[in-house]
PDB file of N, CA and C in Angstrom:
ATOM      1  N   MET A   1       3.153 -49.341 -95.759  1.00  0.00           N
ATOM      2  CA  MET A   1       3.351 -49.343 -94.964  1.00  0.00           C
ATOM      3  C   MET A   1       3.825 -48.089 -93.935  1.00  0.00           C
ATOM      4  N   ALA A   2       3.383 -47.073 -93.231  1.00  0.00           N
ATOM      5  CA  ALA A   2       3.668 -46.217 -92.905  1.00  0.00           C
ATOM      6  C   ALA A   2       4.646 -46.671 -91.680  1.00  0.00           C
ATOM      7  N   ALA A   3       6.117 -46.147 -90.774  1.00  0.00           N
ATOM      8  CA  ALA A   3       5.806 -46.509 -89.786  1.00  0.00           C
ATOM      9  C   ALA A   3       5.532 -46.105 -88.389  1.00  0.00           C
ATOM     10  N   MET A   4       5.522 -46.442 -87.607  1.00  0.00           N
ATOM     11  CA  MET A   4       4.761 -46.642 -86.603  1.00  0.00           C
ATOM     12  C   MET A   4       5.435 -45.373 -85.729  1.00  0.00           C
ATOM     13  N   LYS A   5       4.926 -44.185 -85.248  1.00  0.00           N
ATOM     14  CA  LYS A   5       6.043 -43.360 -84.230  1.00  0.00           C
ATOM     15  C   LYS A   5       5.570 -43.577 -82.883  1.00  0.00           C
ATOM     16  N   PRO A   6       6.342 -43.420 -81.674  1.00  0.00           N
ATOM     17  CA  PRO A   6       6.217 -43.666 -80.596  1.00  0.00           C
ATOM     18  C   PRO A   6       4.844 -41.790 -80.564  1.00  0.00           C
ATOM     19  N   ARG A   7       3.738 -41.720 -79.596  1.00  0.00           N
ATOM     20  CA  ARG A   7       3.196 -40.541 -79.558  1.00  0.00           C
ATOM     21  C   ARG A   7       3.329 -40.542 -78.655  1.00  0.00           C
ATOM     22  N   THR A   8       3.946 -38.978 -78.727  1.00  0.00           N
ATOM     23  CA  THR A   8       3.831 -37.562 -76.862  1.00  0.00           C
ATOM     24  C   THR A   8       3.100 -36.577 -76.639  1.00  0.00           C
ATOM     25  N   GLY A   9       2.815 -35.779 -76.326  1.00  0.00           N
ATOM     26  CA  GLY A   9       2.234 -34.630 -75.963  1.00  0.00           C
ATOM     27  C   GLY A   9       2.882 -34.070 -77.566  1.00  0.00           C
ATOM     28  N   ASP A  10       1.919 -32.532 -77.979  1.00  0.00           N
ATOM     29  CA  ASP A  10       2.634 -31.957 -78.579  1.00  0.00           C
ATOM     30  C   ASP A  10       2.752 -30.183 -77.649  1.00  0.00           C
ATOM     31  N   GLY A  11       4.342 -30.442 -76.734  1.00  0.00           N
ATOM     32  CA  GLY A  11       4.636 -29.586 -76.052  1.00  0.00           C
ATOM     33  C   GLY A  11       4.656 -29.840 -74.985  1.00  0.00           C
ATOM     34  N   PRO A  12       5.111 -28.041 -74.014  1.00  0.00           N
ATOM     35  CA  PRO A  12       4.620 -28.060 -72.350  1.00  0.00           C
ATOM     36  C   PRO A  12       3.539 -28.052 -72.581  1.00  0.00           C
ATOM     37  N   MET A  13       2.651 -28.236 -71.080  1.00  0.00           N
ATOM     38  CA  MET A  13       1.687 -27.551 -70.776  1.00  0.00           C
ATOM     39  C   MET A  13       1.347 -25.850 -70.722  1.00  0.00           C
ATOM     40  N   GLU A  14       0.720 -25.066 -71.411  1.00  0.00           N
ATOM     41  CA  GLU A  14       1.030 -24.028 -71.069  1.00  0.00           C
ATOM     42  C   GLU A  14      -1.259 -22.990 -71.155  1.00  0.00           C
ATOM     43  N   ALA A  15      -0.705 -21.534 -70.180  1.00  0.00           N
ATOM     44  CA  ALA A  15      -2.348 -20.979 -70.397  1.00  0.00           C
ATOM     45  C   ALA A  15      -1.455 -19.077 -71.194  1.00  0.00           C
ATOM     46  N   VAL A  16      -2.060 -19.323 -71.962  1.00  0.00           N
ATOM     47  CA  VAL A  16      -1.966 -17.196 -72.313  1.00  0.00           C
ATOM     48  C   VAL A  16      -3.496 -17.147 -72.566  1.00  0.00           C
ATOM     49  N   ARG A  17      -3.301 -15.390 -72.620  1.00  0.00           N
ATOM     50  CA  ARG A  17      -4.406 -14.877 -72.002  1.00  0.00           C
ATOM     51  C   ARG A  17      -4.169 -14.469 -74.139  1.00  0.00           C
ATOM     52  N   GLU A  18      -6.220 -14.311 -74.357  1.00  0.00           N
ATOM     53  CA  GLU A  18      -6.374 -14.339 -75.537  1.00  0.00           C
ATOM     54  C   GLU A  18      -7.928 -13.642 -75.652  1.00  0.00           C
ATOM     55  N   GLY A  19      -7.625 -12.008 -76.046  1.00  0.00           N
ATOM     56  CA  GLY A  19      -9.059 -11.300 -75.249  1.00  0.00           C
ATOM     57  C   GLY A  19      -9.146 -11.085 -73.727  1.00  0.00           C
ATOM     58  N   ARG A  20     -10.100 -11.740 -74.338  1.00  0.00           N
ATOM     59  CA  ARG A  20     -11.277 -11.892 -72.381  1.00  0.00           C
ATOM     60  C   ARG A  20     -11.013 -13.448 -71.672  1.00  0.00           C
ATOM     61  N   LEU A  21      -9.783 -14.090 -72.766  1.00  0.00           N
ATOM     62  CA  LEU A  21     -10.261 -15.647 -72.388  1.00  0.00           C
ATOM     63  C   LEU A  21      -9.377 -15.977 -71.573  1.00  0.00           C
ATOM     64  N   ILE A  22      -8.692 -17.056 -71.668  1.00  0.00           N
ATOM     65  CA  ILE A  22      -7.371 -17.753 -70.716  1.00  0.00           C
ATOM     66  C   ILE A  22      -7.307 -19.173 -71.723  1.00  0.00           C
ATOM     67  N   ILE A  23      -6.893 -19.164 -72.519  1.00  0.00           N
ATOM     68  CA  ILE A  23      -6.222 -21.302 -73.070  1.00  0.00           C
ATOM     69  C   ILE A  23      -6.159 -21.694 -72.239  1.00  0.00           C
ATOM     70  N   VAL A  24      -6.618 -22.644 -72.292  1.00  0.00           N
ATOM     71  CA  VAL A  24      -5.171 -23.679 -70.924  1.00  0.00           C
ATOM     72  C   VAL A  24      -4.868 -24.755 -72.070  1.00  0.00           C
ATOM     73  N   ARG A  25      -3.767 -25.102 -71.958  1.00  0.00           N
ATOM     74  CA  ARG A  25      -3.553 -26.735 -73.746  1.00  0.00           C
ATOM     75  C   ARG A  25      -2.710 -27.218 -72.375  1.00  0.00           C
ATOM     76  N   VAL A  26      -2.560 -28.696 -72.862  1.00  0.00           N
ATOM     77  CA  VAL A  26      -2.623 -29.724 -71.932  1.00  0.00           C
ATOM     78  C   VAL A  26      -2.072 -30.931 -71.801  1.00  0.00           C
ATOM     79  N   PRO A  27      -1.010 -31.988 -72.756  1.00  0.00           N
ATOM     80  CA  PRO A  27      -0.506 -32.606 -73.279  1.00  0.00           C
ATOM     81  C   PRO A  27      -1.182 -34.139 -72.677  1.00  0.00           C
ATOM     82  N   LEU A  28      -1.995 -34.687 -73.900  1.00  0.00           N
ATOM     83  CA  LEU A  28      -1.876 -36.118 -72.796  1.00  0.00           C
ATOM     84  C   LEU A  28      -1.715 -37.159 -73.513  1.00  0.00           C
ATOM     85  N   GLU A  29      -1.884 -37.572 -72.386  1.00  0.00           N
ATOM     86  CA  GLU A  29      -0.025 -39.221 -72.422  1.00  0.00           C
ATOM     87  C   GLU A  29      -0.634 -39.477 -74.212  1.00  0.00           C
ATOM     88  N   GLY A  30      -1.418 -39.930 -75.388  1.00  0.00           N
ATOM     89  CA  GLY A  30      -2.209 -40.464 -76.064  1.00  0.00           C
ATOM     90  C   GLY A  30      -1.652 -39.866 -77.357  1.00  0.00           C
ATOM     91  N   GLY A  31      -1.094 -38.852 -77.511  1.00  0.00           N
ATOM     92  CA  GLY A  31      -0.607 -37.255 -76.978  1.00  0.00           C
ATOM     93  C   GLY A  31      -1.952 -36.887 -78.004  1.00  0.00           C
ATOM     94  N   GLY A  32      -1.353 -35.611 -78.819  1.00  0.00           N
ATOM     95  CA  GLY A  32      -2.514 -34.795 -78.751  1.00  0.00           C
ATOM     96  C   GLY A  32      -1.706 -33.513 -77.134  1.00  0.00           C
ATOM     97  N   ARG A  33      -3.072 -33.491 -77.955  1.00  0.00           N
ATOM     98  CA  ARG A  33      -3.743 -31.655 -76.112  1.00  0.00           C
ATOM     99  C   ARG A  33      -5.375 -30.995 -76.272  1.00  0.00           C
ATOM    100  N   LEU A  34      -4.990 -31.242 -74.981  1.00  0.00           N
ATOM    101  CA  LEU A  34      -6.189 -30.620 -74.634  1.00  0.00           C
ATOM    102  C   LEU A  34      -6.541 -28.989 -74.228  1.00  0.00           C
ATOM    103  N   VAL A  35      -7.401 -28.414 -75.221  1.00  0.00           N
ATOM    104  CA  VAL A  35      -7.531 -26.869 -75.698  1.00  0.00           C
ATOM    105  C   VAL A  35      -8.569 -27.095 -74.582  1.00  0.00           C
ATOM    106  N   VAL A  36      -8.871 -26.501 -73.475  1.00  0.00           N
ATOM    107  CA  VAL A  36      -9.806 -25.283 -72.449  1.00  0.00           C
ATOM    108  C   VAL A  36     -10.023 -23.572 -72.867  1.00  0.00           C
ATOM    109  N   SER A  37     -10.655 -23.135 -73.641  1.00  0.00           N
ATOM    110  CA  SER A  37     -11.155 -22.246 -72.742  1.00  0.00           C
ATOM    111  C   SER A  37     -11.791 -21.115 -71.374  1.00  0.00           C
ATOM    112  N   VAL A  38     -11.292 -20.827 -71.258  1.00  0.00           N
ATOM    113  CA  VAL A  38     -12.141 -20.881 -69.967  1.00  0.00           C
ATOM    114  C   VAL A  38     -12.363 -18.568 -69.215  1.00  0.00           C
ATOM    115  N   ASN A  39     -12.913 -18.354 -68.728  1.00  0.00           N
ATOM    116  CA  ASN A  39     -12.794 -16.702 -68.149  1.00  0.00           C
ATOM    117  C   ASN A  39     -12.132 -16.997 -66.853  1.00  0.00           C
ATOM    118  N   ASP A  40     -12.699 -15.538 -66.840  1.00  0.00           N
ATOM    119  CA  ASP A  40     -10.841 -15.126 -65.122  1.00  0.00           C
ATOM    120  C   ASP A  40     -11.929 -16.249 -64.379  1.00  0.00           C
ATOM    121  N   ASP A  41     -13.406 -15.619 -64.467  1.00  0.00           N
ATOM    122  CA  ASP A  41     -14.265 -16.550 -62.899  1.00  0.00           C
ATOM    123  C   ASP A  41     -13.288 -18.068 -62.754  1.00  0.00           C
ATOM    124  N   GLU A  42     -13.802 -18.201 -63.978  1.00  0.00           N
ATOM    125  CA  GLU A  42     -13.193 -20.150 -64.240  1.00  0.00           C
ATOM    126  C   GLU A  42     -12.375 -20.461 -63.997  1.00  0.00           C
ATOM    127  N   ALA A  43     -11.236 -20.044 -64.004  1.00  0.00           N
ATOM    128  CA  ALA A  43      -9.843 -20.495 -64.121  1.00  0.00           C
ATOM    129  C   ALA A  43      -9.246 -20.081 -62.686  1.00  0.00           C
ATOM    130  N   LYS A  44     -10.206 -19.287 -62.246  1.00  0.00           N
ATOM    131  CA  LYS A  44     -10.579 -18.952 -59.925  1.00  0.00           C
ATOM    132  C   LYS A  44     -10.800 -20.070 -60.171  1.00  0.00           C
ATOM    133  N   GLU A  45     -12.659 -20.685 -60.008  1.00  0.00           N
ATOM    134  CA  GLU A  45     -12.789 -21.237 -59.811  1.00  0.00           C
ATOM    135  C   GLU A  45     -11.776 -22.944 -60.211  1.00  0.00           C
ATOM    136  N   LEU A  46     -10.903 -23.208 -61.502  1.00  0.00           N
ATOM    137  CA  LEU A  46      -9.995 -23.890 -61.668  1.00  0.00           C
ATOM    138  C   LEU A  46      -9.152 -23.793 -60.626  1.00  0.00           C
ATOM    139  N   ARG A  47      -8.213 -23.057 -60.203  1.00  0.00           N
ATOM    140  CA  ARG A  47      -7.629 -23.370 -59.530  1.00  0.00           C
ATOM    141  C   ARG A  47      -7.360 -23.645 -57.905  1.00  0.00           C
ATOM    142  N   ASP A  48      -8.554 -22.771 -57.667  1.00  0.00           N
ATOM    143  CA  ASP A  48      -8.787 -23.687 -56.017  1.00  0.00           C
ATOM    144  C   ASP A  48      -9.233 -24.757 -56.100  1.00  0.00           C
ATOM    145  N   VAL A  49     -10.157 -25.581 -57.405  1.00  0.00           N
ATOM    146  CA  VAL A  49     -10.098 -27.103 -57.502  1.00  0.00           C
ATOM    147  C   VAL A  49      -8.777 -28.253 -56.923  1.00  0.00           C
ATOM    148  N   LEU A  50      -7.985 -27.079 -58.399  1.00  0.00           N
ATOM    149  CA  LEU A  50      -6.949 -27.771 -58.369  1.00  0.00           C
ATOM    150  C   LEU A  50      -5.305 -27.488 -57.293  1.00  0.00           C
ATOM    151  N   ASP A  51      -6.218 -26.005 -56.360  1.00  0.00           N
ATOM    152  CA  ASP A  51      -5.618 -26.463 -54.963  1.00  0.00           C
ATOM    153  C   ASP A  51      -5.775 -27.365 -54.222  1.00  0.00           C
ATOM    154  N   ALA A  52      -6.766 -27.915 -54.159  1.00  0.00           N
ATOM    155  CA  ALA A  52      -7.205 -28.363 -52.805  1.00  0.00           C
ATOM    156  C   ALA A  52      -6.944 -30.090 -53.187  1.00  0.00           C
ATOM    157  N   ALA A  53      -6.975 -30.768 -54.698  1.00  0.00           N
ATOM    158  CA  ALA A  53      -6.976 -31.741 -54.844  1.00  0.00           C
ATOM    159  C   ALA A  53      -5.622 -31.536 -55.204  1.00  0.00           C
ATOM    160  N   VAL A  54      -4.297 -31.106 -55.116  1.00  0.00           N
ATOM    161  CA  VAL A  54      -3.163 -31.085 -54.438  1.00  0.00           C
ATOM    162  C   VAL A  54      -2.251 -31.227 -53.600  1.00  0.00           C
ATOM    163  N   ALA A  55      -3.036 -31.001 -52.253  1.00  0.00           N
ATOM    164  CA  ALA A  55      -2.762 -30.742 -51.273  1.00  0.00           C
ATOM    165  C   ALA A  55      -3.684 -31.559 -49.623  1.00  0.00           C
TER     166      ALA A  55
END
């Protein structure tokens, strides 16, 4: 039987430009990462929504 290991996020949160898209990688609490690709307009909208939620 395999040993049970705690699952953690795979690396830090990051956003990188790949061509015309911005790839956002967010570590998840249960393990793995959420990967989302957005264009510039979507990234600006996401920034505005997150700013409103944090403020």
